[in-house]
N, C-alpha and C. Protein backbone atom coordinates (compact mmCIF):
# COMPACT_ATOMS: atom_id res chain seq x y z
N MET A 1 26.33 22.66 -17.83
CA MET A 1 25.58 23.86 -17.46
C MET A 1 26.55 24.91 -16.93
N ASP A 2 26.34 26.15 -17.33
CA ASP A 2 27.17 27.26 -16.86
C ASP A 2 26.61 27.78 -15.54
N HIS A 3 27.38 27.68 -14.48
CA HIS A 3 26.94 28.12 -13.15
C HIS A 3 27.41 29.52 -12.81
N HIS A 4 28.06 30.20 -13.75
CA HIS A 4 28.53 31.56 -13.51
C HIS A 4 27.36 32.53 -13.41
N HIS A 5 27.53 33.55 -12.56
CA HIS A 5 26.59 34.67 -12.55
C HIS A 5 27.13 35.70 -13.53
N HIS A 6 26.26 36.22 -14.38
CA HIS A 6 26.68 37.16 -15.43
C HIS A 6 25.99 38.50 -15.28
N TYR A 7 26.78 39.56 -15.40
CA TYR A 7 26.26 40.92 -15.47
C TYR A 7 26.66 41.49 -16.83
N PRO A 8 25.79 42.25 -17.48
CA PRO A 8 26.16 42.84 -18.77
C PRO A 8 27.31 43.85 -18.68
N ASN A 9 27.41 44.59 -17.56
CA ASN A 9 28.33 45.73 -17.51
C ASN A 9 29.55 45.55 -16.62
N ILE A 10 29.59 44.51 -15.79
CA ILE A 10 30.78 44.28 -14.96
C ILE A 10 31.14 42.80 -15.02
N SER A 11 32.43 42.52 -14.92
CA SER A 11 32.87 41.13 -14.99
C SER A 11 33.30 40.66 -13.61
N GLY A 12 33.22 39.37 -13.42
CA GLY A 12 33.61 38.77 -12.15
C GLY A 12 34.87 37.95 -12.29
N GLU A 13 35.38 37.55 -11.15
CA GLU A 13 36.59 36.72 -11.10
C GLU A 13 36.23 35.45 -10.34
N ASP A 14 36.52 34.29 -10.93
CA ASP A 14 36.32 33.03 -10.23
C ASP A 14 37.38 32.91 -9.14
N VAL A 15 36.94 32.66 -7.90
CA VAL A 15 37.89 32.53 -6.80
C VAL A 15 37.92 31.13 -6.20
N PHE A 16 36.89 30.32 -6.47
CA PHE A 16 36.87 28.94 -5.98
C PHE A 16 35.82 28.16 -6.76
N GLU A 17 36.14 26.91 -7.07
CA GLU A 17 35.15 26.05 -7.71
C GLU A 17 35.44 24.60 -7.37
N ASN A 18 34.37 23.87 -7.07
CA ASN A 18 34.45 22.42 -6.94
C ASN A 18 33.18 21.83 -7.54
N ASP A 19 32.88 20.57 -7.26
CA ASP A 19 31.71 19.94 -7.87
C ASP A 19 30.38 20.43 -7.29
N ARG A 20 30.42 21.22 -6.21
CA ARG A 20 29.18 21.70 -5.57
C ARG A 20 28.94 23.20 -5.68
N VAL A 21 30.00 24.00 -5.72
CA VAL A 21 29.84 25.46 -5.75
C VAL A 21 30.82 26.12 -6.71
N LEU A 22 30.44 27.31 -7.14
CA LEU A 22 31.33 28.22 -7.86
C LEU A 22 31.24 29.56 -7.13
N VAL A 23 32.37 30.08 -6.69
CA VAL A 23 32.41 31.36 -5.98
C VAL A 23 33.06 32.40 -6.90
N GLN A 24 32.36 33.53 -7.06
CA GLN A 24 32.85 34.62 -7.90
C GLN A 24 32.95 35.90 -7.08
N ARG A 25 33.95 36.71 -7.40
CA ARG A 25 34.16 38.00 -6.76
C ARG A 25 33.84 39.09 -7.77
N PHE A 26 33.08 40.11 -7.32
CA PHE A 26 32.73 41.24 -8.16
C PHE A 26 33.08 42.54 -7.46
N VAL A 27 33.45 43.56 -8.23
CA VAL A 27 33.68 44.92 -7.73
C VAL A 27 32.92 45.87 -8.65
N MET A 28 32.14 46.77 -8.03
CA MET A 28 31.39 47.77 -8.79
C MET A 28 31.81 49.15 -8.28
N LEU A 29 32.35 49.95 -9.16
CA LEU A 29 32.84 51.28 -8.81
C LEU A 29 31.69 52.27 -8.67
N PRO A 30 31.89 53.37 -7.94
CA PRO A 30 30.85 54.39 -7.84
C PRO A 30 30.38 54.84 -9.22
N GLY A 31 29.07 54.91 -9.38
CA GLY A 31 28.49 55.32 -10.66
C GLY A 31 28.23 54.19 -11.63
N GLU A 32 28.78 53.01 -11.39
CA GLU A 32 28.56 51.87 -12.29
C GLU A 32 27.23 51.18 -12.00
N TRP A 33 26.66 50.60 -13.04
CA TRP A 33 25.45 49.78 -12.95
C TRP A 33 25.75 48.41 -13.53
N GLU A 34 25.16 47.38 -12.93
CA GLU A 34 25.40 46.00 -13.39
C GLU A 34 24.83 45.77 -14.78
N GLY A 35 23.71 46.39 -15.09
CA GLY A 35 22.94 46.09 -16.29
C GLY A 35 21.85 45.09 -15.95
N ILE A 36 20.80 45.08 -16.73
CA ILE A 36 19.66 44.20 -16.47
C ILE A 36 20.10 42.75 -16.62
N HIS A 37 19.74 41.95 -15.61
CA HIS A 37 20.18 40.55 -15.56
C HIS A 37 19.17 39.70 -14.79
N SER A 38 19.37 38.40 -14.81
CA SER A 38 18.53 37.46 -14.06
C SER A 38 19.36 36.83 -12.95
N HIS A 39 18.68 36.10 -12.06
CA HIS A 39 19.34 35.31 -11.01
C HIS A 39 18.75 33.90 -11.05
N SER A 40 19.61 32.91 -10.90
CA SER A 40 19.18 31.51 -10.95
C SER A 40 18.35 31.12 -9.73
N GLY A 41 18.55 31.84 -8.62
CA GLY A 41 17.83 31.52 -7.39
C GLY A 41 18.54 30.51 -6.53
N ASN A 42 19.64 29.97 -7.00
CA ASN A 42 20.39 28.97 -6.25
C ASN A 42 21.74 29.57 -5.84
N GLN A 43 21.68 30.76 -5.19
CA GLN A 43 22.91 31.47 -4.87
C GLN A 43 22.72 32.38 -3.65
N LEU A 44 23.84 32.70 -3.03
CA LEU A 44 23.83 33.69 -1.96
C LEU A 44 25.00 34.63 -2.16
N TYR A 45 24.88 35.83 -1.57
CA TYR A 45 25.98 36.79 -1.68
C TYR A 45 26.54 37.11 -0.31
N ILE A 46 27.81 37.49 -0.30
CA ILE A 46 28.52 37.92 0.91
C ILE A 46 29.19 39.24 0.58
N MET A 47 28.83 40.29 1.31
CA MET A 47 29.42 41.61 1.06
C MET A 47 30.80 41.69 1.71
N LEU A 48 31.76 42.19 0.94
CA LEU A 48 33.13 42.37 1.42
C LEU A 48 33.45 43.84 1.70
N SER A 49 32.49 44.72 1.41
CA SER A 49 32.66 46.15 1.66
C SER A 49 31.32 46.74 2.06
N GLU A 50 31.35 47.97 2.53
CA GLU A 50 30.10 48.65 2.86
C GLU A 50 29.88 49.78 1.87
N GLY A 51 28.63 50.16 1.69
CA GLY A 51 28.33 51.26 0.79
C GLY A 51 26.87 51.30 0.43
N GLU A 52 26.56 52.19 -0.50
CA GLU A 52 25.18 52.41 -0.93
C GLU A 52 24.97 51.92 -2.35
N SER A 53 23.86 51.26 -2.56
CA SER A 53 23.47 50.87 -3.91
C SER A 53 22.00 51.19 -4.11
N THR A 54 21.60 51.29 -5.36
CA THR A 54 20.20 51.43 -5.71
C THR A 54 19.81 50.18 -6.48
N VAL A 55 18.74 49.53 -6.03
CA VAL A 55 18.26 48.29 -6.63
C VAL A 55 16.99 48.60 -7.42
N ARG A 56 16.95 48.17 -8.67
CA ARG A 56 15.79 48.42 -9.54
C ARG A 56 15.13 47.11 -9.97
N TYR A 57 13.83 47.15 -9.99
CA TYR A 57 12.99 46.14 -10.62
C TYR A 57 12.02 46.92 -11.51
N GLY A 58 12.30 46.98 -12.80
CA GLY A 58 11.49 47.80 -13.69
C GLY A 58 11.59 49.26 -13.30
N GLU A 59 10.45 49.90 -13.06
CA GLU A 59 10.42 51.31 -12.68
C GLU A 59 10.55 51.52 -11.17
N ASN A 60 10.47 50.44 -10.40
CA ASN A 60 10.57 50.55 -8.94
C ASN A 60 12.03 50.47 -8.51
N GLU A 61 12.43 51.36 -7.62
CA GLU A 61 13.80 51.31 -7.11
C GLU A 61 13.83 51.66 -5.63
N ARG A 62 14.86 51.14 -4.97
CA ARG A 62 15.06 51.44 -3.55
C ARG A 62 16.56 51.56 -3.29
N ILE A 63 16.89 52.42 -2.34
CA ILE A 63 18.28 52.59 -1.92
C ILE A 63 18.57 51.59 -0.82
N SER A 64 19.72 50.95 -0.90
CA SER A 64 20.09 49.92 0.05
C SER A 64 21.49 50.21 0.59
N GLN A 65 21.67 50.01 1.88
CA GLN A 65 22.98 50.14 2.51
C GLN A 65 23.52 48.73 2.79
N SER A 66 24.72 48.46 2.37
CA SER A 66 25.33 47.16 2.65
C SER A 66 26.45 47.35 3.67
N TYR A 67 26.80 46.26 4.33
CA TYR A 67 27.86 46.29 5.33
C TYR A 67 28.76 45.07 5.18
N VAL A 68 29.98 45.17 5.65
CA VAL A 68 30.94 44.08 5.57
C VAL A 68 30.39 42.88 6.33
N GLY A 69 30.41 41.73 5.69
CA GLY A 69 29.93 40.50 6.31
C GLY A 69 28.45 40.22 6.08
N GLN A 70 27.73 41.12 5.45
CA GLN A 70 26.31 40.90 5.16
C GLN A 70 26.18 39.69 4.24
N VAL A 71 25.25 38.79 4.59
CA VAL A 71 25.00 37.58 3.81
C VAL A 71 23.50 37.48 3.56
N ALA A 72 23.12 37.15 2.34
CA ALA A 72 21.70 36.99 2.04
C ALA A 72 21.51 35.98 0.91
N TRP A 73 20.39 35.27 0.96
CA TRP A 73 19.99 34.35 -0.10
C TRP A 73 19.33 35.16 -1.21
N GLN A 74 19.64 34.82 -2.44
CA GLN A 74 19.06 35.52 -3.58
C GLN A 74 17.99 34.64 -4.23
N PRO A 75 16.72 35.05 -4.15
CA PRO A 75 15.68 34.29 -4.85
C PRO A 75 15.83 34.45 -6.36
N ALA A 76 15.19 33.56 -7.09
CA ALA A 76 15.24 33.62 -8.55
C ALA A 76 14.61 34.92 -9.05
N VAL A 77 15.23 35.50 -10.08
CA VAL A 77 14.73 36.71 -10.72
C VAL A 77 14.78 36.48 -12.23
N ASP A 78 13.63 36.60 -12.88
CA ASP A 78 13.54 36.41 -14.32
C ASP A 78 13.99 37.70 -15.04
N LEU A 79 14.56 37.53 -16.20
CA LEU A 79 15.02 38.68 -16.99
C LEU A 79 13.88 39.66 -17.27
N SER A 80 12.65 39.16 -17.37
CA SER A 80 11.50 40.03 -17.66
C SER A 80 11.21 41.02 -16.53
N GLU A 81 11.78 40.79 -15.34
CA GLU A 81 11.58 41.72 -14.21
C GLU A 81 12.44 42.97 -14.33
N ARG A 82 13.35 42.99 -15.31
CA ARG A 82 14.22 44.15 -15.57
C ARG A 82 14.95 44.61 -14.31
N HIS A 83 15.63 43.66 -13.69
CA HIS A 83 16.35 43.91 -12.43
C HIS A 83 17.79 44.33 -12.71
N GLU A 84 18.25 45.32 -11.96
CA GLU A 84 19.67 45.72 -11.96
C GLU A 84 19.94 46.53 -10.70
N SER A 85 21.21 46.62 -10.36
CA SER A 85 21.65 47.44 -9.22
C SER A 85 22.78 48.33 -9.68
N GLY A 86 22.90 49.47 -9.02
CA GLY A 86 23.98 50.40 -9.32
C GLY A 86 24.63 50.90 -8.05
N ASN A 87 25.90 51.23 -8.15
CA ASN A 87 26.63 51.79 -7.01
C ASN A 87 26.36 53.29 -6.99
N THR A 88 25.47 53.70 -6.10
CA THR A 88 25.11 55.12 -6.00
C THR A 88 25.79 55.78 -4.81
N GLY A 89 26.76 55.09 -4.23
CA GLY A 89 27.55 55.66 -3.15
C GLY A 89 28.85 56.22 -3.68
N ASP A 90 29.79 56.47 -2.77
CA ASP A 90 31.07 57.06 -3.17
C ASP A 90 32.26 56.15 -2.91
N THR A 91 32.01 54.87 -2.64
CA THR A 91 33.08 53.90 -2.44
C THR A 91 32.79 52.66 -3.28
N PRO A 92 33.83 51.93 -3.72
CA PRO A 92 33.60 50.69 -4.47
C PRO A 92 32.83 49.67 -3.62
N LEU A 93 31.97 48.91 -4.27
CA LEU A 93 31.27 47.80 -3.63
C LEU A 93 31.91 46.50 -4.09
N GLU A 94 32.19 45.62 -3.14
CA GLU A 94 32.83 44.34 -3.45
C GLU A 94 32.04 43.23 -2.77
N TRP A 95 31.77 42.16 -3.50
CA TRP A 95 31.01 41.05 -2.94
C TRP A 95 31.37 39.74 -3.62
N LEU A 96 30.97 38.65 -2.96
CA LEU A 96 31.11 37.30 -3.49
C LEU A 96 29.73 36.75 -3.80
N TRP A 97 29.61 36.06 -4.93
CA TRP A 97 28.44 35.23 -5.21
C TRP A 97 28.85 33.79 -4.99
N VAL A 98 28.08 33.07 -4.20
CA VAL A 98 28.26 31.63 -4.03
C VAL A 98 27.14 30.98 -4.83
N ASN A 99 27.51 30.39 -5.95
CA ASN A 99 26.56 29.78 -6.88
C ASN A 99 26.55 28.28 -6.64
N PHE A 100 25.44 27.76 -6.14
CA PHE A 100 25.33 26.33 -5.84
C PHE A 100 24.99 25.55 -7.10
N LYS A 101 25.68 24.47 -7.32
CA LYS A 101 25.49 23.67 -8.53
C LYS A 101 24.42 22.60 -8.37
N GLN A 102 24.05 22.30 -7.14
CA GLN A 102 23.08 21.21 -6.90
C GLN A 102 21.85 21.72 -6.22
């Protein structure tokens, strides 16, 4: 099974992997959007930078401010929900995905 988190428009870098977790690092530049994607629901993110993003689910969107050290659990998101986020601030956004294998 592939435990990587995938975005259509940005690529990640594997920074750690063992039999229980896969950790990936992502950077999204100002103006970039991830592209519509799903989430497995068995993952959490850790923000390594602060900035503004816009989160979309279909036609609904909200502006979100992130901060260094922010940690949150990501519930499962089906591709049919048309979810994506974009960097609508003026600084790069950097974060880690911790993808649990079990």
